[in-house]
Amino acid sequence: MTRPRGREKGSYFTEDDLKQIRAAVAAVGQQEGYVSIADFVEAAARRELRRLQRKYNDGRKWPGVEPGELRPGRRTRAETAAKEDRR
């Protein structure tokens, strides 16, 4: 069974995901310290970064990577299909 997907919004979230993010920020954002979607997303990214540093780099920071050094854009169809197959 394939998971239904919402319409893509920008390059980061489906419209369904954005609605849920907005709902979470509206419902409990003030209690949790999120005054905006940007606050929510930045906090989530920092938590994931710390998790990856602990898991793969002994909790240490990696050397910085300058803008333009990573491949731009979305995954290819083959990459997306491979990721879906692993779920």
N, C-alpha and C. Protein backbone atom coordinates (compact mmCIF):
# COMPACT_ATOMS: atom_id res chain seq x y z
N MET A 1 0.85 -1.18 0.00
CA MET A 1 0.00 0.00 0.00
C MET A 1 0.89 1.24 0.00
N THR A 2 0.62 2.16 -0.88
CA THR A 2 1.42 3.38 -0.91
C THR A 2 0.78 4.43 -0.02
N ARG A 3 1.61 5.20 0.55
CA ARG A 3 1.14 6.25 1.44
C ARG A 3 0.63 7.42 0.62
N PRO A 4 -0.58 7.92 0.89
CA PRO A 4 -1.06 9.06 0.13
C PRO A 4 -0.21 10.29 0.44
N ARG A 5 0.07 11.03 -0.59
CA ARG A 5 0.90 12.21 -0.40
C ARG A 5 0.10 13.45 -0.75
N GLY A 6 0.34 14.50 -0.01
CA GLY A 6 -0.30 15.78 -0.32
C GLY A 6 0.45 16.47 -1.43
N ARG A 7 -0.08 17.56 -1.84
CA ARG A 7 0.57 18.34 -2.89
C ARG A 7 1.84 18.97 -2.34
N GLU A 8 2.91 18.93 -3.11
CA GLU A 8 4.18 19.48 -2.66
C GLU A 8 4.09 21.00 -2.52
N LYS A 9 4.67 21.54 -1.48
CA LYS A 9 4.71 22.97 -1.25
C LYS A 9 6.16 23.36 -1.15
N GLY A 10 6.65 24.17 -2.07
CA GLY A 10 8.05 24.52 -2.07
C GLY A 10 8.87 23.27 -2.26
N SER A 11 10.03 23.23 -1.69
CA SER A 11 10.87 22.05 -1.85
C SER A 11 11.01 21.27 -0.55
N TYR A 12 10.21 21.58 0.44
CA TYR A 12 10.43 20.96 1.74
C TYR A 12 9.28 20.12 2.27
N PHE A 13 8.05 20.59 2.16
CA PHE A 13 6.93 19.92 2.80
C PHE A 13 5.76 19.76 1.85
N THR A 14 4.97 18.71 2.06
CA THR A 14 3.71 18.61 1.35
C THR A 14 2.74 19.60 1.99
N GLU A 15 1.67 19.91 1.30
CA GLU A 15 0.66 20.81 1.85
C GLU A 15 0.05 20.21 3.12
N ASP A 16 -0.15 18.89 3.13
CA ASP A 16 -0.67 18.23 4.34
C ASP A 16 0.27 18.40 5.52
N ASP A 17 1.57 18.23 5.29
CA ASP A 17 2.55 18.43 6.36
C ASP A 17 2.52 19.87 6.86
N LEU A 18 2.45 20.82 5.93
CA LEU A 18 2.41 22.23 6.34
C LEU A 18 1.18 22.53 7.18
N LYS A 19 0.05 21.96 6.82
CA LYS A 19 -1.16 22.18 7.62
C LYS A 19 -0.96 21.66 9.04
N GLN A 20 -0.33 20.50 9.18
CA GLN A 20 -0.09 19.93 10.50
C GLN A 20 0.92 20.76 11.29
N ILE A 21 1.94 21.24 10.61
CA ILE A 21 2.93 22.10 11.29
C ILE A 21 2.25 23.37 11.78
N ARG A 22 1.45 23.99 10.91
CA ARG A 22 0.72 25.20 11.33
C ARG A 22 -0.19 24.89 12.51
N ALA A 23 -0.89 23.76 12.45
CA ALA A 23 -1.80 23.38 13.54
C ALA A 23 -1.05 23.19 14.85
N ALA A 24 0.10 22.54 14.79
CA ALA A 24 0.89 22.31 16.01
C ALA A 24 1.38 23.64 16.59
N VAL A 25 1.87 24.52 15.73
CA VAL A 25 2.36 25.82 16.21
C VAL A 25 1.20 26.62 16.79
N ALA A 26 0.03 26.58 16.12
CA ALA A 26 -1.13 27.31 16.63
C ALA A 26 -1.63 26.74 17.95
N ALA A 27 -1.63 25.41 18.07
CA ALA A 27 -2.19 24.77 19.26
C ALA A 27 -1.27 24.86 20.47
N VAL A 28 0.00 24.57 20.29
CA VAL A 28 0.89 24.49 21.46
C VAL A 28 2.21 25.24 21.28
N GLY A 29 2.33 25.97 20.19
CA GLY A 29 3.58 26.66 19.93
C GLY A 29 4.03 27.57 21.06
N GLN A 30 3.10 28.36 21.58
CA GLN A 30 3.46 29.28 22.65
C GLN A 30 3.94 28.53 23.89
N GLN A 31 3.27 27.43 24.23
CA GLN A 31 3.67 26.63 25.39
C GLN A 31 5.05 26.00 25.19
N GLU A 32 5.36 25.63 23.94
CA GLU A 32 6.62 24.94 23.64
C GLU A 32 7.74 25.90 23.22
N GLY A 33 7.43 27.18 23.12
CA GLY A 33 8.45 28.17 22.78
C GLY A 33 8.61 28.43 21.29
N TYR A 34 7.64 28.02 20.48
CA TYR A 34 7.68 28.27 19.05
C TYR A 34 6.73 29.41 18.72
N VAL A 35 7.26 30.53 18.24
CA VAL A 35 6.41 31.65 17.88
C VAL A 35 6.10 31.67 16.39
N SER A 36 6.77 30.79 15.64
CA SER A 36 6.56 30.76 14.19
C SER A 36 6.90 29.37 13.66
N ILE A 37 6.51 29.14 12.41
CA ILE A 37 6.89 27.90 11.74
C ILE A 37 8.41 27.81 11.65
N ALA A 38 9.06 28.92 11.37
CA ALA A 38 10.52 28.92 11.28
C ALA A 38 11.15 28.46 12.59
N ASP A 39 10.64 28.93 13.73
CA ASP A 39 11.15 28.48 15.03
C ASP A 39 11.01 26.97 15.18
N PHE A 40 9.84 26.44 14.80
CA PHE A 40 9.56 25.02 14.89
C PHE A 40 10.52 24.21 14.03
N VAL A 41 10.68 24.62 12.77
CA VAL A 41 11.53 23.89 11.83
C VAL A 41 13.00 23.98 12.25
N GLU A 42 13.45 25.15 12.69
CA GLU A 42 14.84 25.30 13.12
C GLU A 42 15.14 24.42 14.33
N ALA A 43 14.22 24.37 15.28
CA ALA A 43 14.42 23.52 16.46
C ALA A 43 14.49 22.05 16.06
N ALA A 44 13.63 21.63 15.15
CA ALA A 44 13.65 20.24 14.69
C ALA A 44 14.96 19.92 13.98
N ALA A 45 15.44 20.84 13.16
CA ALA A 45 16.70 20.62 12.44
C ALA A 45 17.87 20.55 13.42
N ARG A 46 17.88 21.39 14.45
CA ARG A 46 18.96 21.34 15.45
C ARG A 46 18.94 20.03 16.22
N ARG A 47 17.75 19.55 16.59
CA ARG A 47 17.66 18.25 17.29
C ARG A 47 18.20 17.13 16.42
N GLU A 48 17.84 17.13 15.15
CA GLU A 48 18.31 16.08 14.24
C GLU A 48 19.81 16.19 14.03
N LEU A 49 20.32 17.40 13.93
CA LEU A 49 21.77 17.59 13.78
C LEU A 49 22.51 17.02 14.98
N ARG A 50 22.05 17.33 16.18
CA ARG A 50 22.71 16.79 17.39
C ARG A 50 22.63 15.27 17.44
N ARG A 51 21.50 14.71 17.02
CA ARG A 51 21.35 13.25 17.00
C ARG A 51 22.36 12.62 16.04
N LEU A 52 22.49 13.19 14.86
CA LEU A 52 23.44 12.66 13.88
C LEU A 52 24.88 12.82 14.36
N GLN A 53 25.19 13.95 14.99
CA GLN A 53 26.54 14.14 15.52
C GLN A 53 26.85 13.09 16.58
N ARG A 54 25.90 12.82 17.46
CA ARG A 54 26.12 11.79 18.49
C ARG A 54 26.29 10.41 17.86
N LYS A 55 25.46 10.11 16.88
CA LYS A 55 25.46 8.77 16.28
C LYS A 55 26.68 8.53 15.40
N TYR A 56 27.09 9.50 14.63
CA TYR A 56 28.11 9.27 13.62
C TYR A 56 29.44 10.00 13.84
N ASN A 57 29.49 10.94 14.79
CA ASN A 57 30.71 11.73 14.93
C ASN A 57 31.10 11.94 16.39
N ASP A 58 30.80 10.95 17.23
CA ASP A 58 31.15 11.01 18.66
C ASP A 58 30.66 12.28 19.34
N GLY A 59 29.53 12.81 18.87
CA GLY A 59 28.96 14.01 19.48
C GLY A 59 29.66 15.30 19.12
N ARG A 60 30.63 15.21 18.25
CA ARG A 60 31.39 16.42 17.87
C ARG A 60 30.82 17.06 16.62
N LYS A 61 31.11 18.35 16.46
CA LYS A 61 30.72 19.06 15.24
C LYS A 61 31.58 18.58 14.09
N TRP A 62 31.01 18.57 12.89
CA TRP A 62 31.79 18.30 11.68
C TRP A 62 32.41 19.60 11.21
N PRO A 63 33.47 19.52 10.41
CA PRO A 63 33.97 20.76 9.79
C PRO A 63 32.85 21.36 8.93
N GLY A 64 32.77 22.65 8.88
CA GLY A 64 31.72 23.31 8.13
C GLY A 64 31.81 23.04 6.63
N VAL A 65 30.69 23.13 5.97
CA VAL A 65 30.62 22.98 4.52
C VAL A 65 30.06 24.28 3.96
N GLU A 66 30.74 24.84 3.01
CA GLU A 66 30.35 26.13 2.45
C GLU A 66 29.16 25.98 1.50
N PRO A 67 28.39 27.05 1.33
CA PRO A 67 27.29 27.02 0.36
C PRO A 67 27.82 26.63 -1.03
N GLY A 68 27.04 25.83 -1.71
CA GLY A 68 27.42 25.41 -3.06
C GLY A 68 28.21 24.12 -3.10
N GLU A 69 28.65 23.60 -1.96
CA GLU A 69 29.44 22.37 -1.94
C GLU A 69 28.57 21.11 -2.00
N LEU A 70 27.30 21.23 -1.66
CA LEU A 70 26.39 20.08 -1.73
C LEU A 70 25.62 20.12 -3.04
N ARG A 71 25.18 18.96 -3.48
CA ARG A 71 24.38 18.89 -4.68
C ARG A 71 23.07 19.64 -4.47
N PRO A 72 22.68 20.51 -5.38
CA PRO A 72 21.41 21.23 -5.22
C PRO A 72 20.24 20.39 -5.69
N GLY A 73 19.06 20.77 -5.28
CA GLY A 73 17.85 20.18 -5.82
C GLY A 73 17.33 18.99 -5.04
N ARG A 74 16.25 18.47 -5.59
CA ARG A 74 15.57 17.33 -4.98
C ARG A 74 16.23 16.04 -5.39
N ARG A 75 15.78 14.95 -4.75
CA ARG A 75 16.23 13.61 -5.14
C ARG A 75 15.75 13.31 -6.55
N THR A 76 16.48 12.44 -7.22
CA THR A 76 16.01 11.94 -8.50
C THR A 76 14.86 10.96 -8.25
N ARG A 77 14.12 10.61 -9.28
CA ARG A 77 13.04 9.62 -9.12
C ARG A 77 13.59 8.30 -8.58
N ALA A 78 14.74 7.89 -9.09
CA ALA A 78 15.34 6.63 -8.63
C ALA A 78 15.70 6.71 -7.14
N GLU A 79 16.25 7.83 -6.71
CA GLU A 79 16.59 7.99 -5.30
C GLU A 79 15.34 7.98 -4.43
N THR A 80 14.30 8.64 -4.89
CA THR A 80 13.04 8.68 -4.14
C THR A 80 12.45 7.28 -4.03
N ALA A 81 12.45 6.54 -5.14
CA ALA A 81 11.91 5.18 -5.13
C ALA A 81 12.71 4.29 -4.19
N ALA A 82 14.03 4.41 -4.20
CA ALA A 82 14.87 3.60 -3.32
C ALA A 82 14.58 3.92 -1.86
N LYS A 83 14.39 5.18 -1.54
CA LYS A 83 14.09 5.57 -0.15
C LYS A 83 12.73 5.01 0.27
N GLU A 84 11.73 5.09 -0.62
CA GLU A 84 10.41 4.54 -0.31
C GLU A 84 10.47 3.04 -0.10
N ASP A 85 11.30 2.35 -0.87
CA ASP A 85 11.43 0.89 -0.74
C ASP A 85 11.99 0.48 0.62
N ARG A 86 12.80 1.34 1.24
CA ARG A 86 13.41 1.02 2.54
C ARG A 86 12.43 1.16 3.69
N ARG A 87 11.31 1.81 3.47
CA ARG A 87 10.34 2.03 4.57
C ARG A 87 9.60 0.79 4.91
